[in-house]
Amino acid sequence: MEKKKLGVLLSTPPSHPNVTTTARLCEEAFQSGVDVYLYLIDEGVLSLRDHRLFGLSASGVKFFVCAYSCRRHGLSTESVGRDVTLCGLVVLSNIINGCDRFVAFN
């Protein structure tokens, strides 16, 4: 049987409670055997190195970051780890279409 897939979008800054909610949701879903696809966009990219999200990709969550949002917020994309994929809206569209469930934290 194919695993369930959950897509999660985060667009709020690190100071917003959505970051903690996103991290916990991703952790719980992954530990329950769900494939998790996390996409950071807009101010959400500022949480790229946040301790609440940082370890998710190492645990197996697929981690995507909007390259345009990084540039817009002055974040260097050179130091993004190999476990984080820089991409654009086409990838986000594919995540939305390819997942069983999609949740956006705006």
PDB file of N, CA and C in Angstrom:
ATOM      1  N   MET A   1       0.840  -1.179   0.000  1.00  0.00           N
ATOM      2  CA  MET A   1       0.000   0.000   0.000  1.00  0.00           C
ATOM      3  C   MET A   1       0.886   1.244   0.000  1.00  0.00           C
ATOM      4  N   GLU A   2       0.531   2.214  -0.816  1.00  0.00           N
ATOM      5  CA  GLU A   2       1.307   3.441  -0.934  1.00  0.00           C
ATOM      6  C   GLU A   2       1.092   4.333   0.287  1.00  0.00           C
ATOM      7  N   LYS A   3       2.170   4.983   0.726  1.00  0.00           N
ATOM      8  CA  LYS A   3       2.086   5.868   1.884  1.00  0.00           C
ATOM      9  C   LYS A   3       1.239   7.096   1.568  1.00  0.00           C
ATOM     10  N   LYS A   4       0.582   7.611   2.578  1.00  0.00           N
ATOM     11  CA  LYS A   4      -0.141   8.877   2.456  1.00  0.00           C
ATOM     12  C   LYS A   4       0.874  10.002   2.334  1.00  0.00           C
ATOM     13  N   LYS A   5       0.472  11.078   1.662  1.00  0.00           N
ATOM     14  CA  LYS A   5       1.349  12.230   1.458  1.00  0.00           C
ATOM     15  C   LYS A   5       0.672  13.483   1.990  1.00  0.00           C
ATOM     16  N   LEU A   6       1.438  14.258   2.775  1.00  0.00           N
ATOM     17  CA  LEU A   6       0.954  15.513   3.339  1.00  0.00           C
ATOM     18  C   LEU A   6       1.839  16.649   2.855  1.00  0.00           C
ATOM     19  N   GLY A   7       1.239  17.661   2.262  1.00  0.00           N
ATOM     20  CA  GLY A   7       1.955  18.867   1.876  1.00  0.00           C
ATOM     21  C   GLY A   7       1.666  19.963   2.881  1.00  0.00           C
ATOM     22  N   VAL A   8       2.712  20.701   3.276  1.00  0.00           N
ATOM     23  CA  VAL A   8       2.560  21.775   4.254  1.00  0.00           C
ATOM     24  C   VAL A   8       3.254  23.018   3.715  1.00  0.00           C
ATOM     25  N   LEU A   9       2.535  24.131   3.700  1.00  0.00           N
ATOM     26  CA  LEU A   9       3.071  25.418   3.266  1.00  0.00           C
ATOM     27  C   LEU A   9       3.177  26.335   4.472  1.00  0.00           C
ATOM     28  N   LEU A  10       4.327  26.982   4.634  1.00  0.00           N
ATOM     29  CA  LEU A  10       4.522  27.955   5.710  1.00  0.00           C
ATOM     30  C   LEU A  10       4.953  29.274   5.092  1.00  0.00           C
ATOM     31  N   SER A  11       4.190  30.347   5.362  1.00  0.00           N
ATOM     32  CA  SER A  11       4.518  31.655   4.798  1.00  0.00           C
ATOM     33  C   SER A  11       4.698  32.734   5.860  1.00  0.00           C
ATOM     34  N   THR A  12       4.641  32.362   7.130  1.00  0.00           N
ATOM     35  CA  THR A  12       4.732  33.356   8.202  1.00  0.00           C
ATOM     36  C   THR A  12       6.144  33.423   8.782  1.00  0.00           C
ATOM     37  N   PRO A  13       6.496  34.553   9.429  1.00  0.00           N
ATOM     38  CA  PRO A  13       7.854  34.725   9.964  1.00  0.00           C
ATOM     39  C   PRO A  13       8.102  33.856  11.195  1.00  0.00           C
ATOM     40  N   PRO A  14       9.368  33.740  11.592  1.00  0.00           N
ATOM     41  CA  PRO A  14       9.731  32.896  12.743  1.00  0.00           C
ATOM     42  C   PRO A  14       9.028  33.277  14.046  1.00  0.00           C
ATOM     43  N   SER A  15       8.628  34.529  14.184  1.00  0.00           N
ATOM     44  CA  SER A  15       7.975  34.976  15.415  1.00  0.00           C
ATOM     45  C   SER A  15       6.519  34.510  15.520  1.00  0.00           C
ATOM     46  N   HIS A  16       5.966  34.014  14.441  1.00  0.00           N
ATOM     47  CA  HIS A  16       4.553  33.612  14.422  1.00  0.00           C
ATOM     48  C   HIS A  16       4.393  32.198  14.993  1.00  0.00           C
ATOM     49  N   PRO A  17       3.312  31.959  15.746  1.00  0.00           N
ATOM     50  CA  PRO A  17       3.068  30.617  16.303  1.00  0.00           C
ATOM     51  C   PRO A  17       2.923  29.518  15.251  1.00  0.00           C
ATOM     52  N   ASN A  18       2.665  29.891  13.998  1.00  0.00           N
ATOM     53  CA  ASN A  18       2.535  28.885  12.941  1.00  0.00           C
ATOM     54  C   ASN A  18       3.800  28.055  12.751  1.00  0.00           C
ATOM     55  N   VAL A  19       4.951  28.611  13.095  1.00  0.00           N
ATOM     56  CA  VAL A  19       6.204  27.865  12.914  1.00  0.00           C
ATOM     57  C   VAL A  19       6.221  26.644  13.835  1.00  0.00           C
ATOM     58  N   THR A  20       5.859  26.843  15.084  1.00  0.00           N
ATOM     59  CA  THR A  20       5.802  25.724  16.027  1.00  0.00           C
ATOM     60  C   THR A  20       4.732  24.720  15.608  1.00  0.00           C
ATOM     61  N   THR A  21       3.578  25.212  15.200  1.00  0.00           N
ATOM     62  CA  THR A  21       2.501  24.337  14.749  1.00  0.00           C
ATOM     63  C   THR A  21       2.938  23.516  13.543  1.00  0.00           C
ATOM     64  N   THR A  22       3.603  24.171  12.594  1.00  0.00           N
ATOM     65  CA  THR A  22       4.093  23.486  11.398  1.00  0.00           C
ATOM     66  C   THR A  22       5.092  22.398  11.766  1.00  0.00           C
ATOM     67  N   ALA A  23       6.037  22.730  12.631  1.00  0.00           N
ATOM     68  CA  ALA A  23       7.056  21.760  13.037  1.00  0.00           C
ATOM     69  C   ALA A  23       6.422  20.543  13.701  1.00  0.00           C
ATOM     70  N   ARG A  24       5.493  20.781  14.608  1.00  0.00           N
ATOM     71  CA  ARG A  24       4.846  19.667  15.319  1.00  0.00           C
ATOM     72  C   ARG A  24       4.003  18.808  14.384  1.00  0.00           C
ATOM     73  N   LEU A  25       3.272  19.457  13.483  1.00  0.00           N
ATOM     74  CA  LEU A  25       2.462  18.708  12.522  1.00  0.00           C
ATOM     75  C   LEU A  25       3.339  17.825  11.643  1.00  0.00           C
ATOM     76  N   CYS A  26       4.428  18.396  11.140  1.00  0.00           N
ATOM     77  CA  CYS A  26       5.340  17.627  10.278  1.00  0.00           C
ATOM     78  C   CYS A  26       5.954  16.452  11.031  1.00  0.00           C
ATOM     79  N   GLU A  27       6.390  16.689  12.265  1.00  0.00           N
ATOM     80  CA  GLU A  27       6.984  15.621  13.077  1.00  0.00           C
ATOM     81  C   GLU A  27       5.981  14.498  13.327  1.00  0.00           C
ATOM     82  N   GLU A  28       4.787  14.861  13.757  1.00  0.00           N
ATOM     83  CA  GLU A  28       3.761  13.855  14.070  1.00  0.00           C
ATOM     84  C   GLU A  28       3.360  13.057  12.833  1.00  0.00           C
ATOM     85  N   ALA A  29       3.165  13.758  11.725  1.00  0.00           N
ATOM     86  CA  ALA A  29       2.769  13.065  10.498  1.00  0.00           C
ATOM     87  C   ALA A  29       3.865  12.110  10.043  1.00  0.00           C
ATOM     88  N   PHE A  30       5.114  12.570  10.070  1.00  0.00           N
ATOM     89  CA  PHE A  30       6.220  11.722   9.628  1.00  0.00           C
ATOM     90  C   PHE A  30       6.366  10.500  10.531  1.00  0.00           C
ATOM     91  N   GLN A  31       6.258  10.709  11.838  1.00  0.00           N
ATOM     92  CA  GLN A  31       6.369   9.591  12.778  1.00  0.00           C
ATOM     93  C   GLN A  31       5.211   8.602  12.635  1.00  0.00           C
ATOM     94  N   SER A  32       4.113   9.056  12.042  1.00  0.00           N
ATOM     95  CA  SER A  32       2.956   8.183  11.803  1.00  0.00           C
ATOM     96  C   SER A  32       3.037   7.461  10.469  1.00  0.00           C
ATOM     97  N   GLY A  33       4.163   7.638   9.761  1.00  0.00           N
ATOM     98  CA  GLY A  33       4.353   6.937   8.503  1.00  0.00           C
ATOM     99  C   GLY A  33       3.894   7.680   7.264  1.00  0.00           C
ATOM    100  N   VAL A  34       3.614   8.966   7.403  1.00  0.00           N
ATOM    101  CA  VAL A  34       3.173   9.788   6.280  1.00  0.00           C
ATOM    102  C   VAL A  34       4.390  10.442   5.630  1.00  0.00           C
ATOM    103  N   ASP A  35       4.430  10.480   4.295  1.00  0.00           N
ATOM    104  CA  ASP A  35       5.454  11.257   3.593  1.00  0.00           C
ATOM    105  C   ASP A  35       5.070  12.726   3.703  1.00  0.00           C
ATOM    106  N   VAL A  36       5.996  13.549   4.196  1.00  0.00           N
ATOM    107  CA  VAL A  36       5.713  14.964   4.437  1.00  0.00           C
ATOM    108  C   VAL A  36       6.556  15.822   3.510  1.00  0.00           C
ATOM    109  N   TYR A  37       5.891  16.791   2.878  1.00  0.00           N
ATOM    110  CA  TYR A  37       6.526  17.739   1.965  1.00  0.00           C
ATOM    111  C   TYR A  37       6.298  19.138   2.524  1.00  0.00           C
ATOM    112  N   LEU A  38       7.366  19.774   3.019  1.00  0.00           N
ATOM    113  CA  LEU A  38       7.280  21.107   3.619  1.00  0.00           C
ATOM    114  C   LEU A  38       7.829  22.138   2.643  1.00  0.00           C
ATOM    115  N   TYR A  39       7.053  23.192   2.389  1.00  0.00           N
ATOM    116  CA  TYR A  39       7.455  24.249   1.461  1.00  0.00           C
ATOM    117  C   TYR A  39       7.410  25.584   2.194  1.00  0.00           C
ATOM    118  N   LEU A  40       8.549  26.281   2.256  1.00  0.00           N
ATOM    119  CA  LEU A  40       8.623  27.611   2.858  1.00  0.00           C
ATOM    120  C   LEU A  40       8.570  28.660   1.762  1.00  0.00           C
ATOM    121  N   ILE A  41       7.731  29.674   1.958  1.00  0.00           N
ATOM    122  CA  ILE A  41       7.575  30.750   0.980  1.00  0.00           C
ATOM    123  C   ILE A  41       7.369  32.067   1.728  1.00  0.00           C
ATOM    124  N   ASP A  42       7.553  33.172   1.039  1.00  0.00           N
ATOM    125  CA  ASP A  42       7.402  34.509   1.603  1.00  0.00           C
ATOM    126  C   ASP A  42       8.227  34.615   2.889  1.00  0.00           C
ATOM    127  N   GLU A  43       7.645  35.130   3.974  1.00  0.00           N
ATOM    128  CA  GLU A  43       8.406  35.274   5.218  1.00  0.00           C
ATOM    129  C   GLU A  43       8.725  33.933   5.880  1.00  0.00           C
ATOM    130  N   GLY A  44       8.101  32.882   5.414  1.00  0.00           N
ATOM    131  CA  GLY A  44       8.403  31.549   5.930  1.00  0.00           C
ATOM    132  C   GLY A  44       9.847  31.144   5.701  1.00  0.00           C
ATOM    133  N   VAL A  45      10.482  31.690   4.636  1.00  0.00           N
ATOM    134  CA  VAL A  45      11.882  31.342   4.369  1.00  0.00           C
ATOM    135  C   VAL A  45      12.806  31.826   5.480  1.00  0.00           C
ATOM    136  N   LEU A  46      12.367  32.804   6.252  1.00  0.00           N
ATOM    137  CA  LEU A  46      13.183  33.301   7.362  1.00  0.00           C
ATOM    138  C   LEU A  46      13.318  32.254   8.466  1.00  0.00           C
ATOM    139  N   SER A  47      12.499  31.221   8.419  1.00  0.00           N
ATOM    140  CA  SER A  47      12.572  30.116   9.387  1.00  0.00           C
ATOM    141  C   SER A  47      13.438  28.970   8.895  1.00  0.00           C
ATOM    142  N   LEU A  48      14.120  29.169   7.786  1.00  0.00           N
ATOM    143  CA  LEU A  48      14.934  28.103   7.195  1.00  0.00           C
ATOM    144  C   LEU A  48      15.921  27.508   8.193  1.00  0.00           C
ATOM    145  N   ARG A  49      16.541  28.324   8.995  1.00  0.00           N
ATOM    146  CA  ARG A  49      17.528  27.854   9.973  1.00  0.00           C
ATOM    147  C   ARG A  49      16.974  27.814  11.401  1.00  0.00           C
ATOM    148  N   ASP A  50      15.672  27.970  11.532  1.00  0.00           N
ATOM    149  CA  ASP A  50      15.035  27.937  12.846  1.00  0.00           C
ATOM    150  C   ASP A  50      15.153  26.533  13.435  1.00  0.00           C
ATOM    151  N   HIS A  51      15.492  26.450  14.709  1.00  0.00           N
ATOM    152  CA  HIS A  51      15.696  25.147  15.355  1.00  0.00           C
ATOM    153  C   HIS A  51      14.448  24.268  15.311  1.00  0.00           C
ATOM    154  N   ARG A  52      13.271  24.882  15.236  1.00  0.00           N
ATOM    155  CA  ARG A  52      12.035  24.094  15.204  1.00  0.00           C
ATOM    156  C   ARG A  52      11.861  23.352  13.880  1.00  0.00           C
ATOM    157  N   LEU A  53      12.441  23.886  12.806  1.00  0.00           N
ATOM    158  CA  LEU A  53      12.300  23.267  11.484  1.00  0.00           C
ATOM    159  C   LEU A  53      13.576  22.620  10.982  1.00  0.00           C
ATOM    160  N   PHE A  54      14.704  23.052  11.523  1.00  0.00           N
ATOM    161  CA  PHE A  54      16.012  22.680  10.975  1.00  0.00           C
ATOM    162  C   PHE A  54      16.225  21.170  10.876  1.00  0.00           C
ATOM    163  N   GLY A  55      15.814  20.426  11.870  1.00  0.00           N
ATOM    164  CA  GLY A  55      16.068  18.987  11.877  1.00  0.00           C
ATOM    165  C   GLY A  55      15.066  18.152  11.098  1.00  0.00           C
ATOM    166  N   LEU A  56      14.012  18.779  10.591  1.00  0.00           N
ATOM    167  CA  LEU A  56      12.974  18.002   9.907  1.00  0.00           C
ATOM    168  C   LEU A  56      13.496  17.282   8.674  1.00  0.00           C
ATOM    169  N   SER A  57      14.328  17.960   7.891  1.00  0.00           N
ATOM    170  CA  SER A  57      14.824  17.320   6.666  1.00  0.00           C
ATOM    171  C   SER A  57      15.745  16.153   6.996  1.00  0.00           C
ATOM    172  N   ALA A  58      16.521  16.281   8.066  1.00  0.00           N
ATOM    173  CA  ALA A  58      17.408  15.185   8.467  1.00  0.00           C
ATOM    174  C   ALA A  58      16.604  13.960   8.915  1.00  0.00           C
ATOM    175  N   SER A  59      15.397  14.202   9.421  1.00  0.00           N
ATOM    176  CA  SER A  59      14.569  13.084   9.880  1.00  0.00           C
ATOM    177  C   SER A  59      13.792  12.430   8.742  1.00  0.00           C
ATOM    178  N   GLY A  60      13.787  13.055   7.569  1.00  0.00           N
ATOM    179  CA  GLY A  60      13.119  12.443   6.425  1.00  0.00           C
ATOM    180  C   GLY A  60      12.035  13.277   5.774  1.00  0.00           C
ATOM    181  N   VAL A  61      11.700  14.416   6.364  1.00  0.00           N
ATOM    182  CA  VAL A  61      10.722  15.317   5.751  1.00  0.00           C
ATOM    183  C   VAL A  61      11.353  15.938   4.507  1.00  0.00           C
ATOM    184  N   LYS A  62      10.607  15.970   3.405  1.00  0.00           N
ATOM    185  CA  LYS A  62      11.108  16.601   2.182  1.00  0.00           C
ATOM    186  C   LYS A  62      10.932  18.103   2.328  1.00  0.00           C
ATOM    187  N   PHE A  63      12.038  18.847   2.253  1.00  0.00           N
ATOM    188  CA  PHE A  63      12.087  20.263   2.612  1.00  0.00           C
ATOM    189  C   PHE A  63      12.366  21.092   1.363  1.00  0.00           C
ATOM    190  N   PHE A  64      11.435  22.001   1.031  1.00  0.00           N
ATOM    191  CA  PHE A  64      11.558  22.859  -0.139  1.00  0.00           C
ATOM    192  C   PHE A  64      11.480  24.322   0.283  1.00  0.00           C
ATOM    193  N   VAL A  65      12.267  25.169  -0.392  1.00  0.00           N
ATOM    194  CA  VAL A  65      12.301  26.589  -0.072  1.00  0.00           C
ATOM    195  C   VAL A  65      12.210  27.385  -1.364  1.00  0.00           C
ATOM    196  N   CYS A  66      11.369  28.403  -1.365  1.00  0.00           N
ATOM    197  CA  CYS A  66      11.198  29.263  -2.536  1.00  0.00           C
ATOM    198  C   CYS A  66      12.448  30.127  -2.731  1.00  0.00           C
ATOM    199  N   ALA A  67      13.140  29.921  -3.838  1.00  0.00           N
ATOM    200  CA  ALA A  67      14.375  30.659  -4.123  1.00  0.00           C
ATOM    201  C   ALA A  67      14.103  32.151  -4.272  1.00  0.00           C
ATOM    202  N   TYR A  68      13.000  32.514  -4.907  1.00  0.00           N
ATOM    203  CA  TYR A  68      12.658  33.931  -5.079  1.00  0.00           C
ATOM    204  C   TYR A  68      12.435  34.595  -3.725  1.00  0.00           C
ATOM    205  N   SER A  69      11.742  33.919  -2.816  1.00  0.00           N
ATOM    206  CA  SER A  69      11.505  34.484  -1.482  1.00  0.00           C
ATOM    207  C   SER A  69      12.811  34.668  -0.727  1.00  0.00           C
ATOM    208  N   CYS A  70      13.747  33.740  -0.891  1.00  0.00           N
ATOM    209  CA  CYS A  70      15.064  33.893  -0.255  1.00  0.00           C
ATOM    210  C   CYS A  70      15.744  35.158  -0.766  1.00  0.00           C
ATOM    211  N   ARG A  71      15.733  35.338  -2.066  1.00  0.00           N
ATOM    212  CA  ARG A  71      16.371  36.516  -2.652  1.00  0.00           C
ATOM    213  C   ARG A  71      15.666  37.788  -2.188  1.00  0.00           C
ATOM    214  N   ARG A  72      14.356  37.763  -2.175  1.00  0.00           N
ATOM    215  CA  ARG A  72      13.563  38.929  -1.770  1.00  0.00           C
ATOM    216  C   ARG A  72      13.828  39.330  -0.321  1.00  0.00           C
ATOM    217  N   HIS A  73      14.125  38.358   0.529  1.00  0.00           N
ATOM    218  CA  HIS A  73      14.379  38.637   1.947  1.00  0.00           C
ATOM    219  C   HIS A  73      15.868  38.692   2.274  1.00  0.00           C
ATOM    220  N   GLY A  74      16.711  38.677   1.254  1.00  0.00           N
ATOM    221  CA  GLY A  74      18.151  38.835   1.450  1.00  0.00           C
ATOM    222  C   GLY A  74      18.848  37.629   2.038  1.00  0.00           C
ATOM    223  N   LEU A  75      18.266  36.449   1.914  1.00  0.00           N
ATOM    224  CA  LEU A  75      18.896  35.232   2.430  1.00  0.00           C
ATOM    225  C   LEU A  75      19.812  34.630   1.378  1.00  0.00           C
ATOM    226  N   SER A  76      21.003  34.275   1.782  1.00  0.00           N
ATOM    227  CA  SER A  76      21.927  33.617   0.870  1.00  0.00           C
ATOM    228  C   SER A  76      21.444  32.198   0.595  1.00  0.00           C
ATOM    229  N   THR A  77      21.444  31.829  -0.667  1.00  0.00           N
ATOM    230  CA  THR A  77      21.047  30.466  -1.021  1.00  0.00           C
ATOM    231  C   THR A  77      22.256  29.544  -1.135  1.00  0.00           C
ATOM    232  N   GLU A  78      23.448  30.112  -0.985  1.00  0.00           N
ATOM    233  CA  GLU A  78      24.668  29.308  -1.091  1.00  0.00           C
ATOM    234  C   GLU A  78      24.849  28.364   0.091  1.00  0.00           C
ATOM    235  N   SER A  79      24.342  28.748   1.241  1.00  0.00           N
ATOM    236  CA  SER A  79      24.558  27.939   2.441  1.00  0.00           C
ATOM    237  C   SER A  79      23.397  26.985   2.735  1.00  0.00           C
ATOM    238  N   VAL A  80      22.446  26.910   1.819  1.00  0.00           N
ATOM    239  CA  VAL A  80      21.330  25.977   2.015  1.00  0.00           C
ATOM    240  C   VAL A  80      21.872  24.558   1.915  1.00  0.00           C
ATOM    241  N   GLY A  81      21.529  23.744   2.873  1.00  0.00           N
ATOM    242  CA  GLY A  81      22.050  22.378   2.919  1.00  0.00           C
ATOM    243  C   GLY A  81      21.575  21.521   1.764  1.00  0.00           C
ATOM    244  N   ARG A  82      22.242  20.396   1.585  1.00  0.00           N
ATOM    245  CA  ARG A  82      21.890  19.467   0.503  1.00  0.00           C
ATOM    246  C   ARG A  82      20.543  18.803   0.734  1.00  0.00           C
ATOM    247  N   ASP A  83      20.064  18.853   1.964  1.00  0.00           N
ATOM    248  CA  ASP A  83      18.783  18.238   2.277  1.00  0.00           C
ATOM    249  C   ASP A  83      17.603  19.196   2.096  1.00  0.00           C
ATOM    250  N   VAL A  84      17.893  20.420   1.619  1.00  0.00           N
ATOM    251  CA  VAL A  84      16.864  21.417   1.333  1.00  0.00           C
ATOM    252  C   VAL A  84      16.908  21.726  -0.155  1.00  0.00           C
ATOM    253  N   THR A  85      15.747  21.725  -0.810  1.00  0.00           N
ATOM    254  CA  THR A  85      15.679  21.979  -2.241  1.00  0.00           C
ATOM    255  C   THR A  85      15.184  23.390  -2.500  1.00  0.00           C
ATOM    256  N   LEU A  86      16.004  24.190  -3.199  1.00  0.00           N
ATOM    257  CA  LEU A  86      15.585  25.516  -3.643  1.00  0.00           C
ATOM    258  C   LEU A  86      14.761  25.348  -4.908  1.00  0.00           C
ATOM    259  N   CYS A  87      13.619  25.995  -4.969  1.00  0.00           N
ATOM    260  CA  CYS A  87      12.756  25.798  -6.130  1.00  0.00           C
ATOM    261  C   CYS A  87      11.787  26.959  -6.268  1.00  0.00           C
ATOM    262  N   GLY A  88      10.844  26.799  -7.169  1.00  0.00           N
ATOM    263  CA  GLY A  88       9.855  27.831  -7.439  1.00  0.00           C
ATOM    264  C   GLY A  88       8.439  27.301  -7.305  1.00  0.00           C
ATOM    265  N   LEU A  89       7.518  28.071  -7.851  1.00  0.00           N
ATOM    266  CA  LEU A  89       6.102  27.766  -7.680  1.00  0.00           C
ATOM    267  C   LEU A  89       5.637  26.524  -8.432  1.00  0.00           C
ATOM    268  N   VAL A  90       6.376  26.112  -9.455  1.00  0.00           N
ATOM    269  CA  VAL A  90       6.002  24.881 -10.164  1.00  0.00           C
ATOM    270  C   VAL A  90       6.088  23.689  -9.214  1.00  0.00           C
ATOM    271  N   VAL A  91       7.134  23.662  -8.397  1.00  0.00           N
ATOM    272  CA  VAL A  91       7.278  22.573  -7.423  1.00  0.00           C
ATOM    273  C   VAL A  91       6.146  22.631  -6.403  1.00  0.00           C
ATOM    274  N   LEU A  92       5.809  23.835  -5.943  1.00  0.00           N
ATOM    275  CA  LEU A  92       4.690  23.968  -5.005  1.00  0.00           C
ATOM    276  C   LEU A  92       3.402  23.438  -5.633  1.00  0.00           C
ATOM    277  N   SER A  93       3.161  23.776  -6.882  1.00  0.00           N
ATOM    278  CA  SER A  93       1.982  23.279  -7.586  1.00  0.00           C
ATOM    279  C   SER A  93       1.979  21.754  -7.648  1.00  0.00           C
ATOM    280  N   ASN A  94       3.134  21.165  -7.903  1.00  0.00           N
ATOM    281  CA  ASN A  94       3.240  19.701  -7.947  1.00  0.00           C
ATOM    282  C   ASN A  94       2.983  19.073  -6.580  1.00  0.00           C
ATOM    283  N   ILE A  95       3.445  19.732  -5.522  1.00  0.00           N
ATOM    284  CA  ILE A  95       3.195  19.231  -4.166  1.00  0.00           C
ATOM    285  C   ILE A  95       1.695  19.252  -3.880  1.00  0.00           C
ATOM    286  N   ILE A  96       1.062  20.379  -4.201  1.00  0.00           N
ATOM    287  CA  ILE A  96      -0.381  20.504  -3.960  1.00  0.00           C
ATOM    288  C   ILE A  96      -1.146  19.414  -4.708  1.00  0.00           C
ATOM    289  N   ASN A  97      -0.802  19.216  -5.960  1.00  0.00           N
ATOM    290  CA  ASN A  97      -1.508  18.230  -6.787  1.00  0.00           C
ATOM    291  C   ASN A  97      -1.172  16.788  -6.429  1.00  0.00           C
ATOM    292  N   GLY A  98       0.022  16.545  -5.883  1.00  0.00           N
ATOM    293  CA  GLY A  98       0.466  15.181  -5.635  1.00  0.00           C
ATOM    294  C   GLY A  98       0.209  14.644  -4.242  1.00  0.00           C
ATOM    295  N   CYS A  99      -0.261  15.495  -3.339  1.00  0.00           N
ATOM    296  CA  CYS A  99      -0.471  15.063  -1.956  1.00  0.00           C
ATOM    297  C   CYS A  99      -1.936  14.726  -1.696  1.00  0.00           C
ATOM    298  N   ASP A 100      -2.134  13.815  -0.746  1.00  0.00           N
ATOM    299  CA  ASP A 100      -3.485  13.463  -0.326  1.00  0.00           C
ATOM    300  C   ASP A 100      -4.144  14.607   0.439  1.00  0.00           C
ATOM    301  N   ARG A 101      -3.340  15.308   1.217  1.00  0.00           N
ATOM    302  CA  ARG A 101      -3.807  16.460   1.998  1.00  0.00           C
ATOM    303  C   ARG A 101      -2.776  17.570   1.870  1.00  0.00           C
ATOM    304  N   PHE A 102      -3.278  18.819   1.890  1.00  0.00           N
ATOM    305  CA  PHE A 102      -2.391  19.980   1.835  1.00  0.00           C
ATOM    306  C   PHE A 102      -2.897  21.001   2.840  1.00  0.00           C
ATOM    307  N   VAL A 103      -1.979  21.518   3.667  1.00  0.00           N
ATOM    308  CA  VAL A 103      -2.316  22.489   4.695  1.00  0.00           C
ATOM    309  C   VAL A 103      -1.429  23.709   4.503  1.00  0.00           C
ATOM    310  N   ALA A 104      -2.035  24.904   4.547  1.00  0.00           N
ATOM    311  CA  ALA A 104      -1.273  26.150   4.416  1.00  0.00           C
ATOM    312  C   ALA A 104      -1.364  26.936   5.712  1.00  0.00           C
ATOM    313  N   PHE A 105      -0.212  27.338   6.224  1.00  0.00           N
ATOM    314  CA  PHE A 105      -0.139  28.192   7.406  1.00  0.00           C
ATOM    315  C   PHE A 105       0.309  29.571   6.944  1.00  0.00           C
ATOM    316  N   ASN A 106      -0.674  30.486   6.854  1.00  0.00           N
ATOM    317  CA  ASN A 106      -0.424  31.844   6.353  1.00  0.00           C
ATOM    318  C   ASN A 106      -0.595  32.872   7.449  1.00  0.00           C
TER     319      ASN A 106
END
